[in-house]
Amino acid sequence: MDLNMSAVSKTVYTVFDLLSDVGGLLVISVSIMAIYLGAWNYNSLDNYIVSRLFRIKKPKEKIDSEAPSYKRASYIKLSCLPNCSDWFSSWMPLMKRCKRSR
């Protein structure tokens, strides 16, 4: 019944606290990796499909006249570089100018 009561509490860093801290770091690192891989592989599937659907004609010097018709053209060559610049430009707003004549 004393009004001058003092409470002493002790906090201990438990295994669950450690797991929650590591889980937070894991979510951050997975998110950063997902953004990086998303930028790296931006439109890769579309580019691959288009490169396999369409062929380009070879220059006349390189065409073998005796070759079958399907060998007279070659597939579009894909770039070995990542598509990060395309991904970045897709996030930028389009800058449009109004023409004065309208």
PDB file of N, CA and C in Angstrom:
ATOM      1  N   MET A   1       0.800  -1.196   0.000  1.00  0.00           N
ATOM      2  CA  MET A   1       0.000   0.000   0.000  1.00  0.00           C
ATOM      3  C   MET A   1       0.848   1.268   0.000  1.00  0.00           C
ATOM      4  N   ASP A   2       2.141   1.119  -0.316  1.00  0.00           N
ATOM      5  CA  ASP A   2       3.029   2.272  -0.346  1.00  0.00           C
ATOM      6  C   ASP A   2       2.872   2.972  -1.695  1.00  0.00           C
ATOM      7  N   LEU A   3       2.783   4.307  -1.723  1.00  0.00           N
ATOM      8  CA  LEU A   3       2.624   5.071  -2.948  1.00  0.00           C
ATOM      9  C   LEU A   3       3.938   5.287  -3.688  1.00  0.00           C
ATOM     10  N   ASN A   4       5.032   5.034  -3.074  1.00  0.00           N
ATOM     11  CA  ASN A   4       6.348   5.202  -3.686  1.00  0.00           C
ATOM     12  C   ASN A   4       6.864   3.846  -4.192  1.00  0.00           C
ATOM     13  N   MET A   5       6.188   3.307  -5.158  1.00  0.00           N
ATOM     14  CA  MET A   5       6.577   2.002  -5.686  1.00  0.00           C
ATOM     15  C   MET A   5       7.478   2.192  -6.916  1.00  0.00           C
ATOM     16  N   SER A   6       8.524   1.463  -7.011  1.00  0.00           N
ATOM     17  CA  SER A   6       9.391   1.499  -8.186  1.00  0.00           C
ATOM     18  C   SER A   6       9.426   0.107  -8.789  1.00  0.00           C
ATOM     19  N   ALA A   7       9.306   0.073 -10.096  1.00  0.00           N
ATOM     20  CA  ALA A   7       9.300  -1.207 -10.798  1.00  0.00           C
ATOM     21  C   ALA A   7      10.595  -1.334 -11.590  1.00  0.00           C
ATOM     22  N   VAL A   8      11.219  -2.472 -11.506  1.00  0.00           N
ATOM     23  CA  VAL A   8      12.450  -2.743 -12.224  1.00  0.00           C
ATOM     24  C   VAL A   8      12.137  -3.842 -13.241  1.00  0.00           C
ATOM     25  N   SER A   9      12.430  -3.554 -14.497  1.00  0.00           N
ATOM     26  CA  SER A   9      12.193  -4.571 -15.532  1.00  0.00           C
ATOM     27  C   SER A   9      13.497  -4.809 -16.294  1.00  0.00           C
ATOM     28  N   LYS A  10      13.627  -5.982 -16.792  1.00  0.00           N
ATOM     29  CA  LYS A  10      14.836  -6.368 -17.502  1.00  0.00           C
ATOM     30  C   LYS A  10      14.412  -6.908 -18.873  1.00  0.00           C
ATOM     31  N   THR A  11      15.024  -6.374 -19.924  1.00  0.00           N
ATOM     32  CA  THR A  11      14.731  -6.885 -21.262  1.00  0.00           C
ATOM     33  C   THR A  11      15.913  -7.713 -21.732  1.00  0.00           C
ATOM     34  N   VAL A  12      15.615  -8.801 -22.381  1.00  0.00           N
ATOM     35  CA  VAL A  12      16.639  -9.722 -22.860  1.00  0.00           C
ATOM     36  C   VAL A  12      16.456  -9.864 -24.366  1.00  0.00           C
ATOM     37  N   TYR A  13      17.542  -9.826 -25.065  1.00  0.00           N
ATOM     38  CA  TYR A  13      17.527 -10.013 -26.516  1.00  0.00           C
ATOM     39  C   TYR A  13      17.400 -11.514 -26.774  1.00  0.00           C
ATOM     40  N   THR A  14      16.239 -11.911 -27.285  1.00  0.00           N
ATOM     41  CA  THR A  14      15.959 -13.338 -27.440  1.00  0.00           C
ATOM     42  C   THR A  14      16.247 -13.800 -28.869  1.00  0.00           C
ATOM     43  N   VAL A  15      16.096 -15.087 -29.073  1.00  0.00           N
ATOM     44  CA  VAL A  15      16.292 -15.691 -30.386  1.00  0.00           C
ATOM     45  C   VAL A  15      15.238 -15.160 -31.359  1.00  0.00           C
ATOM     46  N   PHE A  16      14.020 -14.947 -30.894  1.00  0.00           N
ATOM     47  CA  PHE A  16      12.969 -14.417 -31.759  1.00  0.00           C
ATOM     48  C   PHE A  16      13.268 -12.987 -32.200  1.00  0.00           C
ATOM     49  N   ASP A  17      13.879 -12.196 -31.332  1.00  0.00           N
ATOM     50  CA  ASP A  17      14.301 -10.850 -31.727  1.00  0.00           C
ATOM     51  C   ASP A  17      15.378 -10.917 -32.820  1.00  0.00           C
ATOM     52  N   LEU A  18      16.303 -11.837 -32.686  1.00  0.00           N
ATOM     53  CA  LEU A  18      17.346 -12.019 -33.689  1.00  0.00           C
ATOM     54  C   LEU A  18      16.738 -12.441 -35.028  1.00  0.00           C
ATOM     55  N   LEU A  19      15.811 -13.383 -35.000  1.00  0.00           N
ATOM     56  CA  LEU A  19      15.169 -13.841 -36.234  1.00  0.00           C
ATOM     57  C   LEU A  19      14.372 -12.727 -36.905  1.00  0.00           C
ATOM     58  N   SER A  20      13.729 -11.875 -36.123  1.00  0.00           N
ATOM     59  CA  SER A  20      12.971 -10.774 -36.722  1.00  0.00           C
ATOM     60  C   SER A  20      13.907  -9.744 -37.356  1.00  0.00           C
ATOM     61  N   ASP A  21      15.066  -9.507 -36.754  1.00  0.00           N
ATOM     62  CA  ASP A  21      16.039  -8.584 -37.350  1.00  0.00           C
ATOM     63  C   ASP A  21      16.611  -9.147 -38.647  1.00  0.00           C
ATOM     64  N   VAL A  22      16.960 -10.414 -38.654  1.00  0.00           N
ATOM     65  CA  VAL A  22      17.497 -11.040 -39.851  1.00  0.00           C
ATOM     66  C   VAL A  22      16.426 -11.111 -40.938  1.00  0.00           C
ATOM     67  N   GLY A  23      15.190 -11.378 -40.566  1.00  0.00           N
ATOM     68  CA  GLY A  23      14.095 -11.416 -41.530  1.00  0.00           C
ATOM     69  C   GLY A  23      13.874 -10.071 -42.183  1.00  0.00           C
ATOM     70  N   GLY A  24      14.028  -8.993 -41.444  1.00  0.00           N
ATOM     71  CA  GLY A  24      13.909  -7.660 -42.019  1.00  0.00           C
ATOM     72  C   GLY A  24      14.997  -7.387 -43.036  1.00  0.00           C
ATOM     73  N   LEU A  25      16.224  -7.796 -42.736  1.00  0.00           N
ATOM     74  CA  LEU A  25      17.321  -7.634 -43.686  1.00  0.00           C
ATOM     75  C   LEU A  25      17.108  -8.510 -44.922  1.00  0.00           C
ATOM     76  N   LEU A  26      16.542  -9.690 -44.708  1.00  0.00           N
ATOM     77  CA  LEU A  26      16.302 -10.595 -45.825  1.00  0.00           C
ATOM     78  C   LEU A  26      15.270 -10.006 -46.787  1.00  0.00           C
ATOM     79  N   VAL A  27      14.210  -9.424 -46.249  1.00  0.00           N
ATOM     80  CA  VAL A  27      13.183  -8.822 -47.104  1.00  0.00           C
ATOM     81  C   VAL A  27      13.756  -7.657 -47.904  1.00  0.00           C
ATOM     82  N   ILE A  28      14.587  -6.851 -47.284  1.00  0.00           N
ATOM     83  CA  ILE A  28      15.204  -5.717 -47.982  1.00  0.00           C
ATOM     84  C   ILE A  28      16.118  -6.216 -49.098  1.00  0.00           C
ATOM     85  N   SER A  29      16.949  -7.220 -48.811  1.00  0.00           N
ATOM     86  CA  SER A  29      17.875  -7.709 -49.836  1.00  0.00           C
ATOM     87  C   SER A  29      17.133  -8.408 -50.975  1.00  0.00           C
ATOM     88  N   VAL A  30      16.068  -9.136 -50.680  1.00  0.00           N
ATOM     89  CA  VAL A  30      15.285  -9.781 -51.733  1.00  0.00           C
ATOM     90  C   VAL A  30      14.595  -8.732 -52.592  1.00  0.00           C
ATOM     91  N   SER A  31      14.096  -7.663 -51.979  1.00  0.00           N
ATOM     92  CA  SER A  31      13.441  -6.602 -52.743  1.00  0.00           C
ATOM     93  C   SER A  31      14.424  -5.902 -53.681  1.00  0.00           C
ATOM     94  N   ILE A  32      15.604  -5.613 -53.197  1.00  0.00           N
ATOM     95  CA  ILE A  32      16.617  -4.962 -54.030  1.00  0.00           C
ATOM     96  C   ILE A  32      17.019  -5.880 -55.192  1.00  0.00           C
ATOM     97  N   MET A  33      17.174  -7.172 -54.914  1.00  0.00           N
ATOM     98  CA  MET A  33      17.537  -8.112 -55.970  1.00  0.00           C
ATOM     99  C   MET A  33      16.408  -8.250 -56.989  1.00  0.00           C
ATOM    100  N   ALA A  34      15.160  -8.219 -56.557  1.00  0.00           N
ATOM    101  CA  ALA A  34      14.032  -8.318 -57.487  1.00  0.00           C
ATOM    102  C   ALA A  34      13.969  -7.103 -58.406  1.00  0.00           C
ATOM    103  N   ILE A  35      14.218  -5.927 -57.880  1.00  0.00           N
ATOM    104  CA  ILE A  35      14.231  -4.718 -58.706  1.00  0.00           C
ATOM    105  C   ILE A  35      15.380  -4.781 -59.710  1.00  0.00           C
ATOM    106  N   TYR A  36      16.537  -5.215 -59.269  1.00  0.00           N
ATOM    107  CA  TYR A  36      17.701  -5.323 -60.157  1.00  0.00           C
ATOM    108  C   TYR A  36      17.444  -6.323 -61.286  1.00  0.00           C
ATOM    109  N   LEU A  37      16.930  -7.497 -60.952  1.00  0.00           N
ATOM    110  CA  LEU A  37      16.672  -8.503 -61.982  1.00  0.00           C
ATOM    111  C   LEU A  37      15.522  -8.099 -62.896  1.00  0.00           C
ATOM    112  N   GLY A  38      14.557  -7.356 -62.364  1.00  0.00           N
ATOM    113  CA  GLY A  38      13.481  -6.854 -63.203  1.00  0.00           C
ATOM    114  C   GLY A  38      13.987  -5.877 -64.238  1.00  0.00           C
ATOM    115  N   ALA A  39      14.920  -5.027 -63.850  1.00  0.00           N
ATOM    116  CA  ALA A  39      15.511  -4.082 -64.797  1.00  0.00           C
ATOM    117  C   ALA A  39      16.407  -4.807 -65.802  1.00  0.00           C
ATOM    118  N   TRP A  40      17.135  -5.817 -65.357  1.00  0.00           N
ATOM    119  CA  TRP A  40      18.051  -6.551 -66.227  1.00  0.00           C
ATOM    120  C   TRP A  40      17.290  -7.320 -67.304  1.00  0.00           C
ATOM    121  N   ASN A  41      16.167  -7.935 -66.939  1.00  0.00           N
ATOM    122  CA  ASN A  41      15.418  -8.785 -67.861  1.00  0.00           C
ATOM    123  C   ASN A  41      14.206  -8.098 -68.465  1.00  0.00           C
ATOM    124  N   TYR A  42      14.153  -6.788 -68.452  1.00  0.00           N
ATOM    125  CA  TYR A  42      13.009  -6.051 -68.957  1.00  0.00           C
ATOM    126  C   TYR A  42      12.804  -6.350 -70.443  1.00  0.00           C
ATOM    127  N   ASN A  43      11.625  -6.832 -70.806  1.00  0.00           N
ATOM    128  CA  ASN A  43      11.231  -7.165 -72.187  1.00  0.00           C
ATOM    129  C   ASN A  43      12.095  -8.246 -72.828  1.00  0.00           C
ATOM    130  N   SER A  44      12.810  -9.034 -72.058  1.00  0.00           N
ATOM    131  CA  SER A  44      13.668 -10.067 -72.650  1.00  0.00           C
ATOM    132  C   SER A  44      12.855 -11.136 -73.364  1.00  0.00           C
ATOM    133  N   LEU A  45      11.758 -11.553 -72.773  1.00  0.00           N
ATOM    134  CA  LEU A  45      10.943 -12.577 -73.413  1.00  0.00           C
ATOM    135  C   LEU A  45      10.338 -12.057 -74.708  1.00  0.00           C
ATOM    136  N   ASP A  46       9.830 -10.837 -74.698  1.00  0.00           N
ATOM    137  CA  ASP A  46       9.272 -10.251 -75.916  1.00  0.00           C
ATOM    138  C   ASP A  46      10.334 -10.137 -77.006  1.00  0.00           C
ATOM    139  N   ASN A  47      11.519  -9.689 -76.635  1.00  0.00           N
ATOM    140  CA  ASN A  47      12.597  -9.557 -77.614  1.00  0.00           C
ATOM    141  C   ASN A  47      13.003 -10.910 -78.190  1.00  0.00           C
ATOM    142  N   TYR A  48      13.032 -11.928 -77.355  1.00  0.00           N
ATOM    143  CA  TYR A  48      13.401 -13.259 -77.832  1.00  0.00           C
ATOM    144  C   TYR A  48      12.341 -13.793 -78.792  1.00  0.00           C
ATOM    145  N   ILE A  49      11.071 -13.639 -78.441  1.00  0.00           N
ATOM    146  CA  ILE A  49      10.000 -14.147 -79.300  1.00  0.00           C
ATOM    147  C   ILE A  49      10.001 -13.436 -80.643  1.00  0.00           C
ATOM    148  N   VAL A  50      10.175 -12.124 -80.636  1.00  0.00           N
ATOM    149  CA  VAL A  50      10.207 -11.373 -81.891  1.00  0.00           C
ATOM    150  C   VAL A  50      11.410 -11.791 -82.734  1.00  0.00           C
ATOM    151  N   SER A  51      12.533 -12.047 -82.093  1.00  0.00           N
ATOM    152  CA  SER A  51      13.717 -12.444 -82.857  1.00  0.00           C
ATOM    153  C   SER A  51      13.545 -13.811 -83.500  1.00  0.00           C
ATOM    154  N   ARG A  52      12.712 -14.660 -82.937  1.00  0.00           N
ATOM    155  CA  ARG A  52      12.470 -15.977 -83.521  1.00  0.00           C
ATOM    156  C   ARG A  52      11.322 -15.970 -84.527  1.00  0.00           C
ATOM    157  N   LEU A  53      10.430 -14.995 -84.455  1.00  0.00           N
ATOM    158  CA  LEU A  53       9.311 -14.937 -85.393  1.00  0.00           C
ATOM    159  C   LEU A  53       9.700 -14.310 -86.724  1.00  0.00           C
ATOM    160  N   PHE A  54      10.575 -13.327 -86.670  1.00  0.00           N
ATOM    161  CA  PHE A  54      10.917 -12.580 -87.878  1.00  0.00           C
ATOM    162  C   PHE A  54      12.374 -12.827 -88.254  1.00  0.00           C
ATOM    163  N   ARG A  55      12.607 -12.874 -89.538  1.00  0.00           N
ATOM    164  CA  ARG A  55      13.962 -13.048 -90.056  1.00  0.00           C
ATOM    165  C   ARG A  55      14.310 -11.837 -90.902  1.00  0.00           C
ATOM    166  N   ILE A  56      15.593 -11.590 -91.052  1.00  0.00           N
ATOM    167  CA  ILE A  56      16.048 -10.508 -91.918  1.00  0.00           C
ATOM    168  C   ILE A  56      16.794 -11.100 -93.103  1.00  0.00           C
ATOM    169  N   LYS A  57      16.700 -10.419 -94.197  1.00  0.00           N
ATOM    170  CA  LYS A  57      17.387 -10.900 -95.398  1.00  0.00           C
ATOM    171  C   LYS A  57      18.879 -10.652 -95.270  1.00  0.00           C
ATOM    172  N   LYS A  58      19.625 -11.594 -95.756  1.00  0.00           N
ATOM    173  CA  LYS A  58      21.078 -11.441 -95.772  1.00  0.00           C
ATOM    174  C   LYS A  58      21.453 -10.548 -96.947  1.00  0.00           C
ATOM    175  N   PRO A  59      22.601  -9.903 -96.882  1.00  0.00           N
ATOM    176  CA  PRO A  59      23.068  -9.142 -98.042  1.00  0.00           C
ATOM    177  C   PRO A  59      23.275 -10.068 -99.238  1.00  0.00           C
ATOM    178  N   LYS A  60      23.149  -9.530-100.428  1.00  0.00           N
ATOM    179  CA  LYS A  60      23.231 -10.341-101.646  1.00  0.00           C
ATOM    180  C   LYS A  60      24.564 -11.063-101.779  1.00  0.00           C
ATOM    181  N   GLU A  61      25.620 -10.482-101.208  1.00  0.00           N
ATOM    182  CA  GLU A  61      26.933 -11.120-101.315  1.00  0.00           C
ATOM    183  C   GLU A  61      26.997 -12.409-100.494  1.00  0.00           C
ATOM    184  N   LYS A  62      26.227 -12.479 -99.426  1.00  0.00           N
ATOM    185  CA  LYS A  62      26.304 -13.626 -98.524  1.00  0.00           C
ATOM    186  C   LYS A  62      25.260 -14.700 -98.824  1.00  0.00           C
ATOM    187  N   ILE A  63      24.377 -14.459 -99.770  1.00  0.00           N
ATOM    188  CA  ILE A  63      23.323 -15.425-100.083  1.00  0.00           C
ATOM    189  C   ILE A  63      23.870 -16.478-101.029  1.00  0.00           C
ATOM    190  N   ASP A  64      23.683 -17.715-100.659  1.00  0.00           N
ATOM    191  CA  ASP A  64      24.048 -18.836-101.525  1.00  0.00           C
ATOM    192  C   ASP A  64      22.834 -19.159-102.400  1.00  0.00           C
ATOM    193  N   SER A  65      22.979 -19.033-103.697  1.00  0.00           N
ATOM    194  CA  SER A  65      21.831 -19.199-104.595  1.00  0.00           C
ATOM    195  C   SER A  65      21.311 -20.632-104.617  1.00  0.00           C
ATOM    196  N   GLU A  66      22.162 -21.580-104.260  1.00  0.00           N
ATOM    197  CA  GLU A  66      21.736 -22.972-104.255  1.00  0.00           C
ATOM    198  C   GLU A  66      21.132 -23.398-102.919  1.00  0.00           C
ATOM    199  N   ALA A  67      21.192 -22.534-101.918  1.00  0.00           N
ATOM    200  CA  ALA A  67      20.664 -22.877-100.596  1.00  0.00           C
ATOM    201  C   ALA A  67      19.147 -22.843-100.610  1.00  0.00           C
ATOM    202  N   PRO A  68      18.512 -23.642 -99.749  1.00  0.00           N
ATOM    203  CA  PRO A  68      17.053 -23.587 -99.658  1.00  0.00           C
ATOM    204  C   PRO A  68      16.595 -22.210 -99.179  1.00  0.00           C
ATOM    205  N   SER A  69      15.328 -21.912 -99.418  1.00  0.00           N
ATOM    206  CA  SER A  69      14.832 -20.561 -99.129  1.00  0.00           C
ATOM    207  C   SER A  69      14.894 -20.212 -97.646  1.00  0.00           C
ATOM    208  N   TYR A  70      14.727 -21.187 -96.773  1.00  0.00           N
ATOM    209  CA  TYR A  70      14.754 -20.883 -95.337  1.00  0.00           C
ATOM    210  C   TYR A  70      16.159 -20.571 -94.835  1.00  0.00           C
ATOM    211  N   LYS A  71      17.181 -20.903 -95.599  1.00  0.00           N
ATOM    212  CA  LYS A  71      18.548 -20.575 -95.198  1.00  0.00           C
ATOM    213  C   LYS A  71      19.043 -19.266 -95.806  1.00  0.00           C
ATOM    214  N   ARG A  72      18.213 -18.644 -96.626  1.00  0.00           N
ATOM    215  CA  ARG A  72      18.621 -17.383 -97.252  1.00  0.00           C
ATOM    216  C   ARG A  72      18.406 -16.187 -96.338  1.00  0.00           C
ATOM    217  N   ALA A  73      17.775 -16.415 -95.208  1.00  0.00           N
ATOM    218  CA  ALA A  73      17.569 -15.353 -94.226  1.00  0.00           C
ATOM    219  C   ALA A  73      18.139 -15.820 -92.898  1.00  0.00           C
ATOM    220  N   SER A  74      18.402 -14.885 -92.023  1.00  0.00           N
ATOM    221  CA  SER A  74      18.934 -15.244 -90.707  1.00  0.00           C
ATOM    222  C   SER A  74      18.083 -14.585 -89.625  1.00  0.00           C
ATOM    223  N   TYR A  75      18.189 -15.137 -88.433  1.00  0.00           N
ATOM    224  CA  TYR A  75      17.439 -14.596 -87.315  1.00  0.00           C
ATOM    225  C   TYR A  75      18.006 -13.242 -86.890  1.00  0.00           C
ATOM    226  N   ILE A  76      17.149 -12.446 -86.281  1.00  0.00           N
ATOM    227  CA  ILE A  76      17.590 -11.171 -85.718  1.00  0.00           C
ATOM    228  C   ILE A  76      18.483 -11.484 -84.528  1.00  0.00           C
ATOM    229  N   LYS A  77      19.606 -10.847 -84.442  1.00  0.00           N
ATOM    230  CA  LYS A  77      20.520 -11.102 -83.333  1.00  0.00           C
ATOM    231  C   LYS A  77      20.116 -10.262 -82.133  1.00  0.00           C
ATOM    232  N   LEU A  78      20.031 -10.944 -80.986  1.00  0.00           N
ATOM    233  CA  LEU A  78      19.700 -10.252 -79.755  1.00  0.00           C
ATOM    234  C   LEU A  78      20.941  -9.599 -79.166  1.00  0.00           C
ATOM    235  N   SER A  79      20.738  -8.523 -78.454  1.00  0.00           N
ATOM    236  CA  SER A  79      21.846  -7.860 -77.778  1.00  0.00           C
ATOM    237  C   SER A  79      22.223  -8.658 -76.541  1.00  0.00           C
ATOM    238  N   CYS A  80      23.496  -8.735 -76.252  1.00  0.00           N
ATOM    239  CA  CYS A  80      23.924  -9.438 -75.043  1.00  0.00           C
ATOM    240  C   CYS A  80      23.917  -8.510 -73.835  1.00  0.00           C
ATOM    241  N   LEU A  81      23.640  -7.243 -74.052  1.00  0.00           N
ATOM    242  CA  LEU A  81      23.592  -6.285 -72.951  1.00  0.00           C
ATOM    243  C   LEU A  81      22.228  -6.319 -72.284  1.00  0.00           C
ATOM    244  N   PRO A  82      22.170  -5.965 -71.009  1.00  0.00           N
ATOM    245  CA  PRO A  82      20.875  -5.950 -70.330  1.00  0.00           C
ATOM    246  C   PRO A  82      20.001  -4.807 -70.836  1.00  0.00           C
ATOM    247  N   ASN A  83      18.741  -4.880 -70.516  1.00  0.00           N
ATOM    248  CA  ASN A  83      17.776  -3.891 -70.969  1.00  0.00           C
ATOM    249  C   ASN A  83      17.495  -2.834 -69.905  1.00  0.00           C
ATOM    250  N   CYS A  84      18.493  -2.490 -69.121  1.00  0.00           N
ATOM    251  CA  CYS A  84      18.304  -1.539 -68.019  1.00  0.00           C
ATOM    252  C   CYS A  84      17.917  -0.153 -68.523  1.00  0.00           C
ATOM    253  N   SER A  85      18.474   0.261 -69.640  1.00  0.00           N
ATOM    254  CA  SER A  85      18.146   1.598 -70.142  1.00  0.00           C
ATOM    255  C   SER A  85      16.691   1.653 -70.608  1.00  0.00           C
ATOM    256  N   ASP A  86      16.185   0.576 -71.210  1.00  0.00           N
ATOM    257  CA  ASP A  86      14.776   0.537 -71.597  1.00  0.00           C
ATOM    258  C   ASP A  86      13.875   0.575 -70.370  1.00  0.00           C
ATOM    259  N   TRP A  87      14.265  -0.165 -69.319  1.00  0.00           N
ATOM    260  CA  TRP A  87      13.483  -0.186 -68.086  1.00  0.00           C
ATOM    261  C   TRP A  87      13.448   1.206 -67.456  1.00  0.00           C
ATOM    262  N   PHE A  88      14.607   1.858 -67.419  1.00  0.00           N
ATOM    263  CA  PHE A  88      14.674   3.187 -66.810  1.00  0.00           C
ATOM    264  C   PHE A  88      13.862   4.199 -67.606  1.00  0.00           C
ATOM    265  N   SER A  89      13.943   4.136 -68.936  1.00  0.00           N
ATOM    266  CA  SER A  89      13.197   5.089 -69.741  1.00  0.00           C
ATOM    267  C   SER A  89      11.695   4.822 -69.682  1.00  0.00           C
ATOM    268  N   SER A  90      11.289   3.586 -69.378  1.00  0.00           N
ATOM    269  CA  SER A  90       9.857   3.320 -69.244  1.00  0.00           C
ATOM    270  C   SER A  90       9.276   3.952 -67.986  1.00  0.00           C
ATOM    271  N   TRP A  91      10.101   4.244 -67.002  1.00  0.00           N
ATOM    272  CA  TRP A  91       9.624   4.891 -65.775  1.00  0.00           C
ATOM    273  C   TRP A  91       9.613   6.415 -65.877  1.00  0.00           C
ATOM    274  N   MET A  92      10.295   6.959 -66.878  1.00  0.00           N
ATOM    275  CA  MET A  92      10.330   8.404 -67.052  1.00  0.00           C
ATOM    276  C   MET A  92       9.053   8.886 -67.740  1.00  0.00           C
ATOM    277  N   PRO A  93       8.507  10.004 -67.296  1.00  0.00           N
ATOM    278  CA  PRO A  93       7.316  10.516 -67.982  1.00  0.00           C
ATOM    279  C   PRO A  93       7.682  11.007 -69.383  1.00  0.00           C
ATOM    280  N   LEU A  94       6.760  10.856 -70.281  1.00  0.00           N
ATOM    281  CA  LEU A  94       7.012  11.280 -71.654  1.00  0.00           C
ATOM    282  C   LEU A  94       6.947  12.794 -71.742  1.00  0.00           C
ATOM    283  N   MET A  95       7.904  13.357 -72.403  1.00  0.00           N
ATOM    284  CA  MET A  95       7.949  14.803 -72.577  1.00  0.00           C
ATOM    285  C   MET A  95       7.329  15.136 -73.922  1.00  0.00           C
ATOM    286  N   LYS A  96       6.195  15.765 -73.901  1.00  0.00           N
ATOM    287  CA  LYS A  96       5.515  16.109 -75.142  1.00  0.00           C
ATOM    288  C   LYS A  96       5.426  17.619 -75.252  1.00  0.00           C
ATOM    289  N   ARG A  97       5.676  18.081 -76.453  1.00  0.00           N
ATOM    290  CA  ARG A  97       5.565  19.513 -76.705  1.00  0.00           C
ATOM    291  C   ARG A  97       4.270  19.792 -77.429  1.00  0.00           C
ATOM    292  N   CYS A  98       3.613  20.854 -77.052  1.00  0.00           N
ATOM    293  CA  CYS A  98       2.403  21.272 -77.754  1.00  0.00           C
ATOM    294  C   CYS A  98       2.818  22.103 -78.955  1.00  0.00           C
ATOM    295  N   LYS A  99       2.219  21.834 -80.065  1.00  0.00           N
ATOM    296  CA  LYS A  99       2.523  22.626 -81.252  1.00  0.00           C
ATOM    297  C   LYS A  99       1.726  23.927 -81.203  1.00  0.00           C
ATOM    298  N   ARG A 100       2.355  24.987 -81.649  1.00  0.00           N
ATOM    299  CA  ARG A 100       1.685  26.285 -81.606  1.00  0.00           C
ATOM    300  C   ARG A 100       0.574  26.396 -82.641  1.00  0.00           C
ATOM    301  N   SER A 101       0.616  25.570 -83.646  1.00  0.00           N
ATOM    302  CA  SER A 101      -0.370  25.679 -84.693  1.00  0.00           C
ATOM    303  C   SER A 101      -1.739  25.125 -84.264  1.00  0.00           C
ATOM    304  N   ARG A 102      -1.778  24.394 -83.179  1.00  0.00           N
ATOM    305  CA  ARG A 102      -3.048  23.808 -82.760  1.00  0.00           C
ATOM    306  C   ARG A 102      -3.774  24.726 -81.821  1.00  0.00           C
TER     307      ARG A 102
END
